[in-house]
Amino acid sequence: MHIYPDASVVAGTLSPDEPVIINRPHAAARAARFFATKFPGKSLYAVKANPSPDLIQILWDNGISHYDVASITEVRMVRATLPDATLCFMHPVKTASAIREAYFQHGVRTFSLDTLEEVEKIVDATTDADGNAAKDLRLCVRLRVSSEYSELSLASKFGIDIADAGELLQATRQVADWLGLCFHVGSQAMTPFAYVQALERARAAIADAGVVIDMIDVGGGFPSCYPGMEPPPLEDYFAIIHRHFEALPIAYNAELWCEPGRALSAEYNSLVVKVEKRRGDELYINDGAYGALYDAAHVAWRFPVKAIPREGDRSTELQGFSFYGPTCDDADFMEGPFMLPADIKAGDFIEVGMLGAYGAAMRTAFNGFGGGEVVVAQDEPMASLYTGRKDPRVSDNVVSLR
């Protein structure tokens, strides 16, 4: 994979007609070291955010030893990439065959669930051919919590209501060697209070069940930086989570886990796109709703953008633009506004930043689009929670580069 100084050199050298994904391994490594050294427990990378084997290897090399996998395909891929990693099957609804393969072939012992039926399925699938039930299951009951402080809700699909959690925790405790309680506050939680509220619900569920809890998993939701979404320092999240975890009625040696996806991967990728046409304040570009800009189209996510320098003078006045992607579908539209020079025109290149989370992972080949090179750049991402530049209130919010 070719290494370039920055996106402008990528555009100038390749003059690409298809989008180019830019990887920044140093940014992902820095994020991994931050979580590995500063979060007061274990950090599991949520593979769905970006399942790149290269990224997963970088995270492993920089201290991330546990991986949140949600399908048997992710189990196989991470196990093939990292033979010694700890894999945790955290999707609450799994096929029996996926559970069986994960347990017997890939050494998975940790499974998430939110119903009695799933408990029974896990027990049946991990019983061996001689009828011996597994004695080493590490089971995590997922509790439904609010997503009101997050930009994207995850409160509807999974998780047992607090009123029913006691019975499920008691039943799961009977078959589990090790019992955890997990939840997810939603994606891009913009305040640490999201976790305070969730941990208070966990406290109520534990008290009602009257069982020994060996692990609390606060899930994902740890944010990154986007236009209009600049969160507090991550240390604030870690500190308040740890304080409330310590006050829970759990085993004296209980573990604290988290499952960052976006926070570990967002800064890893950006994208160079080409402007094919301008129509007023609308730009037709060569990536969109069915590519790496899925979130910009479907959930109106405003990614940071900047125009690649070109020959001649460039307007210093910025203007808000919307984007159309390359397919024939009217839904291939990103409202923005994306702030770019007022004189931008067809043939210009734009870098779209912070696409490492769910960007590269969402690309499709719809309508024949979705190709393009992948390269490496050595410069900094367009925004970062790990370089010490985003929030002057925190003097130690820096992880050294290597």
Protein backbone atom coordinates (compact mmCIF):
# COMPACT_ATOMS: atom_id res chain seq x y z
CA MET A 1 0.00 0.00 0.00
CA HIS A 2 1.53 3.30 -1.10
CA ILE A 3 2.29 5.94 1.54
CA TYR A 4 1.63 9.64 0.86
CA PRO A 5 2.27 12.73 2.97
CA ASP A 6 -1.36 13.90 2.83
CA ALA A 7 -4.58 13.99 0.80
CA SER A 8 -3.41 16.79 -1.49
CA VAL A 9 -0.49 14.66 -2.68
CA VAL A 10 -2.86 11.72 -3.17
CA ALA A 11 -5.12 13.81 -5.41
CA GLY A 12 -2.25 15.46 -7.24
CA THR A 13 -0.41 12.21 -7.90
CA LEU A 14 -3.31 9.92 -8.76
CA SER A 15 -5.87 12.41 -10.13
CA PRO A 16 -8.37 9.65 -9.42
CA ASP A 17 -11.74 9.22 -11.14
CA GLU A 18 -12.90 6.95 -8.34
CA PRO A 19 -12.94 7.69 -4.59
CA VAL A 20 -9.73 6.96 -2.71
CA ILE A 21 -9.81 5.77 0.89
CA ILE A 22 -6.94 7.11 2.96
CA ASN A 23 -5.81 5.09 5.99
CA ARG A 24 -3.95 6.69 8.88
CA PRO A 25 -2.52 3.80 10.92
CA HIS A 26 -0.84 6.14 13.39
CA ALA A 27 -4.21 7.66 14.33
CA ALA A 28 -5.78 4.27 15.07
CA ALA A 29 -2.71 3.21 17.04
CA ARG A 30 -2.92 6.35 19.15
CA ALA A 31 -6.62 5.81 19.89
CA ALA A 32 -5.92 2.19 20.89
CA ARG A 33 -3.16 3.20 23.28
CA PHE A 34 -5.44 5.83 24.80
CA PHE A 35 -8.19 3.32 25.63
CA ALA A 36 -5.75 0.58 26.63
CA THR A 37 -3.99 2.81 29.14
CA LYS A 38 -6.72 5.19 30.34
CA PHE A 39 -10.00 3.29 30.46
CA PRO A 40 -10.22 1.71 33.96
CA GLY A 41 -11.04 -1.77 32.69
CA LYS A 42 -11.03 -3.83 29.49
CA SER A 43 -11.76 -2.26 26.09
CA LEU A 44 -13.38 -4.48 23.44
CA TYR A 45 -13.20 -3.15 19.89
CA ALA A 46 -16.66 -3.28 18.26
CA VAL A 47 -15.66 -4.88 14.96
CA LYS A 48 -18.80 -3.80 13.10
CA ALA A 49 -17.55 -0.19 13.09
CA ASN A 50 -14.75 -1.10 10.70
CA PRO A 51 -13.89 -4.76 10.09
CA SER A 52 -10.62 -4.10 8.26
CA PRO A 53 -8.07 -6.80 9.19
CA ASP A 54 -5.34 -4.17 8.91
CA LEU A 55 -7.10 -1.97 11.46
CA ILE A 56 -7.78 -4.90 13.78
CA GLN A 57 -4.09 -5.81 13.71
CA ILE A 58 -3.11 -2.21 14.51
CA LEU A 59 -5.46 -2.16 17.50
CA TRP A 60 -4.05 -5.47 18.76
CA ASP A 61 -0.48 -4.23 18.38
CA ASN A 62 -1.36 -1.20 20.51
CA GLY A 63 -3.05 -2.88 23.46
CA ILE A 64 -6.58 -3.92 22.44
CA SER A 65 -6.87 -7.64 23.25
CA HIS A 66 -10.67 -8.15 23.31
CA TYR A 67 -13.03 -7.90 20.33
CA ASP A 68 -16.81 -7.51 20.21
CA VAL A 69 -17.99 -9.67 17.31
CA ALA A 70 -21.61 -9.75 16.14
CA SER A 71 -21.69 -12.55 13.54
CA ILE A 72 -19.94 -15.80 12.78
CA THR A 73 -18.27 -14.08 9.81
CA GLU A 74 -16.72 -11.55 12.19
CA VAL A 75 -15.71 -14.37 14.53
CA ARG A 76 -13.91 -16.19 11.70
CA MET A 77 -12.22 -13.06 10.38
CA VAL A 78 -10.91 -11.80 13.71
CA ARG A 79 -9.79 -15.28 14.77
CA ALA A 80 -7.91 -15.71 11.47
CA THR A 81 -6.26 -12.31 11.95
CA LEU A 82 -5.60 -12.59 15.69
CA PRO A 83 -5.24 -16.20 16.88
CA ASP A 84 -4.74 -15.14 20.52
CA ALA A 85 -7.43 -12.46 20.84
CA THR A 86 -10.40 -12.82 23.19
CA LEU A 87 -13.59 -12.83 21.14
CA CYS A 88 -16.93 -11.92 22.71
CA PHE A 89 -20.12 -12.71 20.75
CA MET A 90 -22.16 -9.69 21.80
CA HIS A 91 -25.11 -9.87 19.41
CA PRO A 92 -28.10 -10.81 21.61
CA VAL A 93 -29.78 -12.91 18.90
CA LYS A 94 -27.63 -15.61 17.29
CA THR A 95 -28.22 -18.80 15.33
CA ALA A 96 -27.52 -22.05 17.12
CA SER A 97 -25.00 -23.02 14.44
CA ALA A 98 -23.10 -19.73 14.92
CA ILE A 99 -22.95 -20.26 18.69
CA ARG A 100 -21.80 -23.86 18.23
CA GLU A 101 -19.03 -22.97 15.78
CA ALA A 102 -17.89 -19.99 17.84
CA TYR A 103 -17.66 -22.10 21.01
CA PHE A 104 -16.18 -25.33 19.70
CA GLN A 105 -14.02 -24.09 16.81
CA HIS A 106 -12.97 -20.56 17.77
CA GLY A 107 -12.76 -20.65 21.56
CA VAL A 108 -15.51 -18.10 22.20
CA ARG A 109 -16.82 -18.29 25.77
CA THR A 110 -18.56 -14.91 26.19
CA PHE A 111 -22.06 -14.48 24.76
CA SER A 112 -24.65 -11.74 25.11
CA LEU A 113 -28.41 -12.35 25.43
CA ASP A 114 -31.64 -10.61 26.37
CA THR A 115 -34.22 -13.43 26.58
CA LEU A 116 -34.69 -16.77 28.32
CA GLU A 117 -34.96 -18.38 24.87
CA GLU A 118 -31.46 -17.20 24.03
CA VAL A 119 -30.11 -18.65 27.29
CA GLU A 120 -31.58 -22.03 26.38
CA LYS A 121 -30.21 -21.77 22.84
CA ILE A 122 -26.69 -21.02 24.10
CA VAL A 123 -26.79 -23.89 26.59
CA ASP A 124 -28.04 -26.36 23.95
CA ALA A 125 -25.54 -25.23 21.31
CA THR A 126 -22.56 -25.52 23.68
CA THR A 127 -23.47 -28.99 24.98
CA ASP A 128 -21.07 -31.56 23.55
CA ALA A 129 -21.88 -34.74 21.64
CA ASP A 130 -21.87 -36.77 24.87
CA GLY A 131 -24.51 -34.53 26.43
CA ASN A 132 -22.13 -32.63 28.71
CA ALA A 133 -23.21 -29.04 29.23
CA ALA A 134 -20.53 -26.34 29.04
CA LYS A 135 -19.10 -25.38 32.42
CA ASP A 136 -17.19 -22.29 31.30
CA LEU A 137 -19.87 -20.02 29.80
CA ARG A 138 -19.45 -16.30 30.37
CA LEU A 139 -22.91 -14.85 29.76
CA CYS A 140 -23.90 -11.19 29.60
CA VAL A 141 -27.49 -10.07 30.03
CA ARG A 142 -28.22 -6.98 27.95
CA LEU A 143 -30.32 -4.35 29.67
CA ARG A 144 -32.36 -1.80 27.75
CA VAL A 145 -31.34 1.76 28.61
CA SER A 146 -32.08 5.22 27.27
CA SER A 147 -30.35 6.72 24.23
CA GLU A 148 -31.59 10.25 24.89
CA TYR A 149 -28.08 11.69 25.22
CA SER A 150 -26.75 10.09 22.02
CA GLU A 151 -26.94 11.16 18.40
CA LEU A 152 -28.11 7.72 17.20
CA SER A 153 -30.50 5.66 19.29
CA LEU A 154 -29.93 1.99 20.08
CA ALA A 155 -32.76 1.74 22.60
CA SER A 156 -35.42 -0.12 20.60
CA LYS A 157 -34.04 -3.32 19.14
CA PHE A 158 -32.15 -5.07 21.95
CA GLY A 159 -32.16 -5.26 25.72
CA ILE A 160 -34.54 -6.53 28.36
CA ASP A 161 -36.72 -4.07 30.25
CA ILE A 162 -35.65 -3.39 33.80
CA ALA A 163 -38.94 -4.83 35.11
CA ASP A 164 -38.12 -8.24 33.61
CA ALA A 165 -34.36 -8.25 34.09
CA GLY A 166 -34.37 -9.86 37.56
CA GLU A 167 -35.84 -13.15 36.38
CA LEU A 168 -33.48 -13.33 33.40
CA LEU A 169 -30.42 -12.58 35.51
CA GLN A 170 -31.41 -15.30 37.99
CA ALA A 171 -31.93 -17.88 35.23
CA THR A 172 -28.68 -16.97 33.50
CA ARG A 173 -26.74 -17.16 36.77
CA GLN A 174 -27.77 -20.81 37.08
CA VAL A 175 -25.96 -21.84 33.87
CA ALA A 176 -23.15 -19.28 33.71
CA ASP A 177 -19.73 -19.70 35.26
CA TRP A 178 -19.40 -15.92 35.05
CA LEU A 179 -22.28 -13.44 34.77
CA GLY A 180 -22.15 -9.99 33.25
CA LEU A 181 -24.61 -7.17 32.75
CA CYS A 182 -24.25 -5.05 29.62
CA PHE A 183 -26.03 -2.16 27.91
CA HIS A 184 -25.55 0.38 25.11
CA VAL A 185 -26.37 4.08 25.55
CA GLY A 186 -26.50 4.73 21.79
CA SER A 187 -23.95 5.92 19.28
CA GLN A 188 -22.07 9.20 19.77
CA ALA A 189 -23.03 9.92 23.38
CA MET A 190 -22.46 13.63 23.83
CA THR A 191 -22.30 13.68 27.64
CA PRO A 192 -20.89 11.32 30.27
CA PHE A 193 -24.25 11.52 32.05
CA ALA A 194 -25.57 8.97 29.53
CA TYR A 195 -23.56 6.33 31.40
CA VAL A 196 -24.61 7.57 34.84
CA GLN A 197 -28.25 7.05 33.95
CA ALA A 198 -27.56 3.61 32.49
CA LEU A 199 -25.51 2.48 35.48
CA GLU A 200 -28.32 3.51 37.82
CA ARG A 201 -30.66 1.25 35.85
CA ALA A 202 -28.08 -1.52 36.16
CA ARG A 203 -28.01 -0.97 39.93
CA ALA A 204 -31.78 -1.38 40.13
CA ALA A 205 -31.71 -4.57 38.04
CA ILE A 206 -28.96 -6.13 40.17
CA ALA A 207 -30.75 -5.28 43.41
CA ASP A 208 -33.97 -6.80 42.13
CA ALA A 209 -32.27 -10.01 40.98
CA GLY A 210 -30.15 -10.53 44.08
CA VAL A 211 -27.40 -12.32 42.14
CA VAL A 212 -23.62 -12.03 42.04
CA ILE A 213 -22.44 -9.99 39.05
CA ASP A 214 -18.92 -10.62 37.77
CA MET A 215 -18.74 -7.94 35.08
CA ILE A 216 -20.35 -4.66 34.01
CA ASP A 217 -20.06 -3.79 30.32
CA VAL A 218 -20.97 -0.17 29.58
CA GLY A 219 -20.99 -0.87 25.83
CA GLY A 220 -20.12 1.64 23.16
CA GLY A 221 -21.28 5.17 22.53
CA PHE A 222 -17.91 6.83 23.13
CA PRO A 223 -17.86 9.76 20.71
CA SER A 224 -15.59 11.24 18.11
CA CYS A 225 -15.43 14.79 16.68
CA TYR A 226 -17.66 16.01 13.85
CA PRO A 227 -18.92 19.46 12.82
CA GLY A 228 -21.41 20.56 15.44
CA MET A 229 -20.57 17.58 17.65
CA GLU A 230 -17.56 18.30 19.82
CA PRO A 231 -17.83 16.20 22.97
CA PRO A 232 -16.14 16.60 26.35
CA PRO A 233 -12.77 14.88 26.85
CA LEU A 234 -12.97 11.11 27.01
CA GLU A 235 -11.27 11.20 30.40
CA ASP A 236 -14.47 12.77 31.74
CA TYR A 237 -16.42 9.72 30.54
CA PHE A 238 -13.91 7.29 32.01
CA ALA A 239 -13.83 9.00 35.40
CA ILE A 240 -17.58 9.14 35.89
CA ILE A 241 -18.07 5.55 34.67
CA HIS A 242 -15.43 4.29 37.10
CA ARG A 243 -16.89 6.20 40.03
CA HIS A 244 -20.39 4.81 39.51
CA PHE A 245 -19.10 1.30 38.74
CA GLU A 246 -17.25 1.24 42.07
CA ALA A 247 -20.53 1.98 43.90
CA LEU A 248 -22.51 -0.91 42.38
CA PRO A 249 -23.53 -3.97 44.46
CA ILE A 250 -21.31 -6.41 42.55
CA ALA A 251 -18.58 -8.94 43.27
CA TYR A 252 -15.46 -7.46 44.88
CA ASN A 253 -13.38 -8.59 41.90
CA ALA A 254 -15.93 -7.67 39.22
CA GLU A 255 -14.53 -6.41 35.92
CA LEU A 256 -15.44 -3.23 34.03
CA TRP A 257 -15.69 -3.46 30.24
CA CYS A 258 -16.48 -1.11 27.39
CA GLU A 259 -17.01 -1.63 23.65
CA PRO A 260 -15.71 1.38 21.68
CA GLY A 261 -16.20 1.21 17.94
CA ARG A 262 -16.43 4.75 16.61
CA ALA A 263 -13.92 6.13 19.12
CA LEU A 264 -11.23 3.65 18.04
CA SER A 265 -11.82 3.74 14.28
CA ALA A 266 -13.23 7.14 13.23
CA GLU A 267 -9.84 8.81 12.77
CA TYR A 268 -8.43 5.89 10.79
CA ASN A 269 -10.03 6.75 7.41
CA SER A 270 -10.80 9.71 5.24
CA LEU A 271 -11.97 9.82 1.63
CA VAL A 272 -10.89 11.78 -1.44
CA VAL A 273 -13.81 12.40 -3.82
CA LYS A 274 -14.03 14.22 -7.13
CA VAL A 275 -16.58 16.87 -8.05
CA GLU A 276 -18.17 15.77 -11.32
CA LYS A 277 -20.71 18.60 -11.63
CA ARG A 278 -21.90 21.71 -9.84
CA ARG A 279 -25.53 22.87 -9.89
CA GLY A 280 -25.91 25.94 -7.72
CA ASP A 281 -25.17 24.84 -4.18
CA GLU A 282 -25.33 21.12 -5.10
CA LEU A 283 -22.19 19.15 -5.91
CA TYR A 284 -22.27 15.84 -7.77
CA ILE A 285 -19.46 13.70 -6.36
CA ASN A 286 -18.29 10.12 -6.94
CA ASP A 287 -19.26 8.62 -3.56
CA GLY A 288 -22.49 8.74 -1.66
CA ALA A 289 -25.40 7.01 0.04
CA TYR A 290 -24.41 3.54 -1.18
CA GLY A 291 -20.74 4.07 -0.46
CA ALA A 292 -18.64 5.42 2.37
CA LEU A 293 -21.01 8.38 2.83
CA TYR A 294 -23.94 6.19 3.89
CA ASP A 295 -24.33 8.02 7.22
CA ALA A 296 -24.20 11.44 5.57
CA ALA A 297 -27.21 10.44 3.48
CA HIS A 298 -29.27 8.25 5.78
CA VAL A 299 -28.78 9.89 9.18
CA ALA A 300 -27.70 13.38 8.00
CA TRP A 301 -24.23 13.02 9.55
CA ARG A 302 -22.09 16.07 8.83
CA PHE A 303 -18.55 14.92 8.21
CA PRO A 304 -15.71 17.48 8.08
CA VAL A 305 -14.66 18.41 4.55
CA LYS A 306 -11.96 20.46 2.92
CA ALA A 307 -11.16 21.27 -0.68
CA ILE A 308 -7.88 19.95 -2.04
CA PRO A 309 -5.69 22.88 -3.17
CA ARG A 310 -5.59 23.47 -6.92
CA GLU A 311 -3.56 25.65 -9.24
CA GLY A 312 -4.49 29.33 -9.19
CA ASP A 313 -6.30 31.36 -6.60
CA ARG A 314 -8.94 29.75 -4.40
CA SER A 315 -11.82 31.68 -2.88
CA THR A 316 -11.49 32.21 0.86
CA GLU A 317 -15.26 32.57 1.21
CA LEU A 318 -16.97 29.40 2.41
CA GLN A 319 -20.40 28.31 1.30
CA GLY A 320 -22.70 25.49 2.40
CA PHE A 321 -23.17 22.71 -0.18
CA SER A 322 -25.19 19.53 -0.43
CA PHE A 323 -23.91 16.47 -2.27
CA TYR A 324 -25.38 14.05 -4.78
CA GLY A 325 -23.65 10.68 -5.08
CA PRO A 326 -22.82 8.88 -8.33
CA THR A 327 -25.76 6.46 -8.62
CA CYS A 328 -29.01 7.01 -10.52
CA ASP A 329 -31.02 7.02 -7.28
CA ASP A 330 -32.53 10.29 -5.99
CA ALA A 331 -31.98 8.95 -2.46
CA ASP A 332 -28.24 9.23 -3.14
CA PHE A 333 -28.29 12.69 -1.55
CA MET A 334 -26.41 14.22 1.37
CA GLU A 335 -28.00 17.44 2.61
CA GLY A 336 -25.11 18.76 4.64
CA PRO A 337 -24.42 21.63 4.68
CA PHE A 338 -20.80 20.89 3.86
CA MET A 339 -18.74 24.07 4.07
CA LEU A 340 -16.43 24.48 1.08
CA PRO A 341 -14.90 27.34 -0.96
CA ALA A 342 -17.61 29.27 -2.85
CA ASP A 343 -15.80 28.83 -6.18
CA ILE A 344 -15.53 25.03 -6.06
CA LYS A 345 -16.21 23.46 -9.46
CA ALA A 346 -16.21 20.27 -11.50
CA GLY A 347 -12.79 18.63 -11.52
CA ASP A 348 -11.92 19.71 -7.98
CA PHE A 349 -11.16 17.19 -5.26
CA ILE A 350 -12.55 17.15 -1.72
CA GLU A 351 -11.30 15.30 1.33
CA VAL A 352 -14.06 14.01 3.61
CA GLY A 353 -12.73 13.25 7.08
CA MET A 354 -13.52 10.99 10.05
CA LEU A 355 -14.92 8.14 7.95
CA GLY A 356 -13.16 5.29 9.72
CA ALA A 357 -16.32 4.38 11.66
CA TYR A 358 -19.01 2.86 9.45
CA GLY A 359 -17.69 4.58 6.31
CA ALA A 360 -15.50 2.01 4.59
CA ALA A 361 -17.62 -0.74 6.19
CA MET A 362 -20.82 0.44 4.46
CA ARG A 363 -19.55 0.62 0.87
CA THR A 364 -21.49 -1.34 -1.74
CA ALA A 365 -21.20 -1.92 -5.48
CA PHE A 366 -24.72 -0.62 -6.19
CA ASN A 367 -25.12 0.68 -9.75
CA GLY A 368 -21.56 -0.41 -10.53
CA PHE A 369 -19.90 2.10 -8.23
CA GLY A 370 -17.85 1.45 -5.08
CA GLY A 371 -14.35 0.85 -6.43
CA GLY A 372 -11.21 2.87 -5.81
CA GLU A 373 -7.77 2.62 -4.29
CA VAL A 374 -6.77 2.45 -0.65
CA VAL A 375 -3.64 4.34 0.38
CA VAL A 376 -1.87 5.48 3.55
CA ALA A 377 -1.26 9.08 4.62
CA GLN A 378 1.15 10.34 7.25
CA ASP A 379 -0.61 13.55 8.28
CA GLU A 380 -3.09 14.05 11.09
CA PRO A 381 -6.82 13.34 10.76
CA MET A 382 -9.11 16.34 10.29
CA ALA A 383 -10.18 16.17 13.95
CA SER A 384 -9.02 14.21 16.96
CA LEU A 385 -9.79 13.54 20.60
CA TYR A 386 -6.27 12.22 21.14
CA THR A 387 -3.86 14.97 20.09
CA GLY A 388 -4.58 17.46 22.87
CA ARG A 389 -5.85 20.14 20.49
CA LYS A 390 -9.62 19.80 20.92
CA ASP A 391 -10.16 20.81 24.54
CA PRO A 392 -7.74 22.99 26.49
CA ARG A 393 -9.40 22.09 29.80
CA VAL A 394 -7.44 18.85 29.87
CA SER A 395 -3.67 19.14 29.93
CA ASP A 396 -2.86 15.44 29.70
CA ASN A 397 -5.20 14.54 26.84
CA VAL A 398 -2.22 13.49 24.74
CA VAL A 399 -0.90 10.09 23.79
CA SER A 400 2.63 10.17 22.43
CA LEU A 401 3.27 9.23 18.82
CA ARG A 402 5.57 6.37 18.03
